[in-house]
Amino acid sequence: MKISPNTLRIGIAVTIVVGTIGWLAMSGYDANKSYYVTIAELGGMGEKAYKSQLRVEGFVQPGSIEQNGTHVAFVLNEFESHSPKAATGRLLKVAYKGSEPPPDTFKDDAQALAQGSYGRDGVFHATVLQAKCASKYAPAQPGSTQPGTTPAPSSSPRAAAARPSLHPSNQAAQPLAQ
């Protein structure tokens, strides 16, 4: 049985298209194959930590950011600074050397995700840096005021409850007048 020239051309074209799609899928898979680990998990990985592309998550230690153009050195903490666990949290030095400056949300106490490799010098060398908004929406500490509110003058709780609050989130926090 003889194969016609048209069938042969179609077969070659299909093979090229399927091969190209397969190659793109595999190369894209390899490029994004970096594991997400916490600082504690990174410490327990042993030799594997030095040989893998990783993504590490933590909170930017307040006062640790040192920026020089697009290069930034900072420290990640396992916990937020206002958390009671922050004093016992593990720390990780990070050196970011990317082509773009860090995002605007990259500030003290921001949750950050650094992608790169862990060096034998104990520094995480990041090439990609992402940051979530700092924890400005955390519950107010006792005795502090929230942005957009004015501190109540010292008076009885009943008088404080009678004052209207313009901020909807403050409605639940105020005692009800009886």
Protein backbone atom coordinates (compact mmCIF):
# COMPACT_ATOMS: atom_id res chain seq x y z
CA MET A 1 0.00 0.00 0.00
CA LYS A 2 1.37 3.33 -1.10
CA ILE A 3 0.94 6.52 1.00
CA SER A 4 -0.18 9.52 -1.00
CA PRO A 5 1.96 12.70 -0.88
CA ASN A 6 -0.91 14.68 0.72
CA THR A 7 -1.26 12.17 3.56
CA LEU A 8 2.49 12.27 4.15
CA ARG A 9 2.50 16.10 4.31
CA ILE A 10 -0.42 16.16 6.74
CA GLY A 11 1.27 13.55 8.92
CA ILE A 12 4.52 15.55 9.05
CA ALA A 13 2.63 18.79 9.85
CA VAL A 14 0.67 17.12 12.66
CA THR A 15 3.88 15.63 14.09
CA ILE A 16 5.57 19.04 14.06
CA VAL A 17 2.58 20.78 15.73
CA VAL A 18 2.16 18.09 18.41
CA GLY A 19 5.91 18.02 19.06
CA THR A 20 6.05 21.82 19.40
CA ILE A 21 3.11 21.86 21.82
CA GLY A 22 4.71 19.08 23.86
CA TRP A 23 8.06 20.89 23.98
CA LEU A 24 6.41 24.17 25.08
CA ALA A 25 4.44 22.39 27.79
CA MET A 26 7.52 20.66 29.20
CA SER A 27 9.78 23.72 29.08
CA GLY A 28 7.09 25.83 30.77
CA TYR A 29 6.66 23.16 33.42
CA ASP A 30 10.38 23.07 34.19
CA ALA A 31 10.63 26.87 34.43
CA ASN A 32 7.85 27.06 37.01
CA LYS A 33 8.94 24.03 39.00
CA SER A 34 10.09 25.84 42.12
CA TYR A 35 8.84 24.55 45.41
CA TYR A 36 7.06 26.79 47.94
CA VAL A 37 8.55 26.41 51.41
CA THR A 38 8.37 28.20 54.72
CA ILE A 39 11.50 29.38 56.50
CA ALA A 40 11.23 26.46 58.94
CA GLU A 41 10.96 23.94 56.09
CA LEU A 42 13.94 25.50 54.33
CA GLY A 43 16.07 24.89 57.42
CA GLY A 44 15.08 21.22 57.47
CA MET A 45 15.71 20.48 53.79
CA GLY A 46 19.43 19.75 54.16
CA GLU A 47 21.44 19.39 50.92
CA LYS A 48 18.30 19.56 48.77
CA ALA A 49 17.88 23.24 49.71
CA TYR A 50 21.11 24.16 47.92
CA LYS A 51 20.22 22.36 44.69
CA SER A 52 16.65 23.52 44.10
CA GLN A 53 14.87 26.58 42.82
CA LEU A 54 12.63 27.59 45.72
CA ARG A 55 9.99 30.11 46.75
CA VAL A 56 10.18 31.18 50.40
CA GLU A 57 7.46 33.06 52.26
CA GLY A 58 7.80 35.20 55.36
CA PHE A 59 7.31 38.66 56.82
CA VAL A 60 9.76 41.50 56.22
CA GLN A 61 11.59 42.23 59.48
CA PRO A 62 11.03 45.92 60.38
CA GLY A 63 14.12 48.04 59.81
CA SER A 64 15.96 45.39 57.79
CA ILE A 65 15.39 46.73 54.26
CA GLU A 66 18.55 48.05 52.56
CA GLN A 67 17.85 49.13 48.98
CA ASN A 68 20.39 50.09 46.33
CA GLY A 69 18.57 50.65 43.02
CA THR A 70 16.91 47.40 42.01
CA HIS A 71 18.99 45.38 44.50
CA VAL A 72 17.54 44.90 47.98
CA ALA A 73 18.84 43.11 51.05
CA PHE A 74 16.40 42.34 53.85
CA VAL A 75 15.47 39.78 56.49
CA LEU A 76 12.39 37.55 56.42
CA ASN A 77 10.84 36.48 59.71
CA GLU A 78 8.65 33.44 60.08
CA PHE A 79 6.04 35.54 61.94
CA GLU A 80 4.76 39.13 61.85
CA SER A 81 6.56 41.52 64.20
CA HIS A 82 3.46 42.21 66.31
CA SER A 83 2.83 38.48 66.81
CA PRO A 84 3.82 37.05 70.20
CA LYS A 85 5.73 34.32 68.31
CA ALA A 86 7.92 36.87 66.43
CA ALA A 87 10.67 36.78 69.06
CA THR A 88 11.10 33.02 68.55
CA GLY A 89 10.59 33.02 64.76
CA ARG A 90 13.33 31.86 62.43
CA LEU A 91 15.03 34.53 60.34
CA LEU A 92 16.31 34.33 56.77
CA LYS A 93 18.60 36.86 55.08
CA VAL A 94 17.52 37.58 51.51
CA ALA A 95 19.48 39.30 48.73
CA TYR A 96 17.23 40.30 45.83
CA LYS A 97 18.94 41.11 42.55
CA GLY A 98 16.26 41.53 39.95
CA SER A 99 15.80 43.59 36.84
CA GLU A 100 12.90 45.51 38.40
CA PRO A 101 12.70 47.37 41.71
CA PRO A 102 10.69 45.74 44.49
CA PRO A 103 6.92 46.33 44.42
CA ASP A 104 5.37 49.35 46.19
CA THR A 105 3.80 47.04 48.77
CA PHE A 106 7.25 45.81 49.85
CA LYS A 107 7.57 47.45 53.29
CA ASP A 108 8.25 46.56 56.91
CA ASP A 109 5.97 43.72 58.11
CA ALA A 110 4.72 43.01 54.57
CA GLN A 111 4.23 39.38 53.69
CA ALA A 112 6.82 38.64 51.01
CA LEU A 113 7.50 35.78 48.64
CA ALA A 114 11.05 35.45 47.33
CA GLN A 115 11.90 33.10 44.46
CA GLY A 116 15.46 31.98 43.88
CA SER A 117 18.08 29.71 45.40
CA TYR A 118 19.52 29.17 48.85
CA GLY A 119 23.27 29.67 49.07
CA ARG A 120 25.75 27.92 51.29
CA ASP A 121 26.49 31.36 52.77
CA GLY A 122 23.09 31.21 54.53
CA VAL A 123 21.60 33.89 52.27
CA PHE A 124 18.61 33.31 50.01
CA HIS A 125 19.48 34.77 46.59
CA ALA A 126 16.20 35.92 45.04
CA THR A 127 15.55 36.83 41.43
CA VAL A 128 11.80 37.40 41.84
CA LEU A 129 10.17 39.30 44.70
CA GLN A 130 6.47 39.63 45.46
CA ALA A 131 4.85 41.36 48.41
CA LYS A 132 1.38 41.52 49.84
CA CYS A 133 0.01 44.57 51.54
CA ALA A 134 1.44 45.23 55.01
CA SER A 135 -0.80 44.21 57.88
CA LYS A 136 -2.39 47.62 58.26
CA TYR A 137 -5.76 45.91 58.57
CA ALA A 138 -4.78 43.96 61.67
CA PRO A 139 -6.89 44.53 64.78
CA ALA A 140 -5.90 47.64 66.70
CA GLN A 141 -3.76 47.14 69.76
CA PRO A 142 -5.32 48.29 73.04
CA GLY A 143 -4.73 52.00 73.56
CA SER A 144 -4.02 52.78 69.89
CA THR A 145 -6.27 54.58 67.45
CA GLN A 146 -7.20 53.41 63.99
CA PRO A 147 -6.71 55.65 60.96
CA GLY A 148 -9.83 57.66 60.19
CA THR A 149 -11.05 57.72 63.78
CA THR A 150 -10.51 60.22 66.53
CA PRO A 151 -9.72 59.11 70.04
CA ALA A 152 -12.67 59.40 72.36
CA PRO A 153 -12.33 61.91 75.19
CA SER A 154 -12.16 60.26 78.58
CA SER A 155 -15.74 59.89 79.68
CA SER A 156 -18.12 57.17 80.69
CA PRO A 157 -18.64 54.14 78.42
CA ARG A 158 -22.31 55.10 78.08
CA ALA A 159 -21.38 58.51 76.65
CA ALA A 160 -18.88 56.94 74.25
CA ALA A 161 -21.56 54.57 72.97
CA ALA A 162 -23.92 57.46 72.30
CA ARG A 163 -21.44 59.17 69.95
CA PRO A 164 -22.00 58.25 66.30
CA SER A 165 -19.20 56.55 64.40
CA LEU A 166 -18.76 57.19 60.70
CA HIS A 167 -16.57 54.18 60.02
CA PRO A 168 -18.62 50.97 59.49
CA SER A 169 -15.97 48.69 60.99
CA ASN A 170 -16.20 50.60 64.28
CA GLN A 171 -19.92 49.87 64.64
CA ALA A 172 -19.44 46.34 65.99
CA ALA A 173 -16.65 47.34 68.33
CA GLN A 174 -18.69 49.93 70.24
CA PRO A 175 -20.94 48.87 73.12
CA LEU A 176 -24.64 49.35 72.64
CA ALA A 177 -26.42 51.96 74.73
CA GLN A 178 -29.25 50.56 76.82
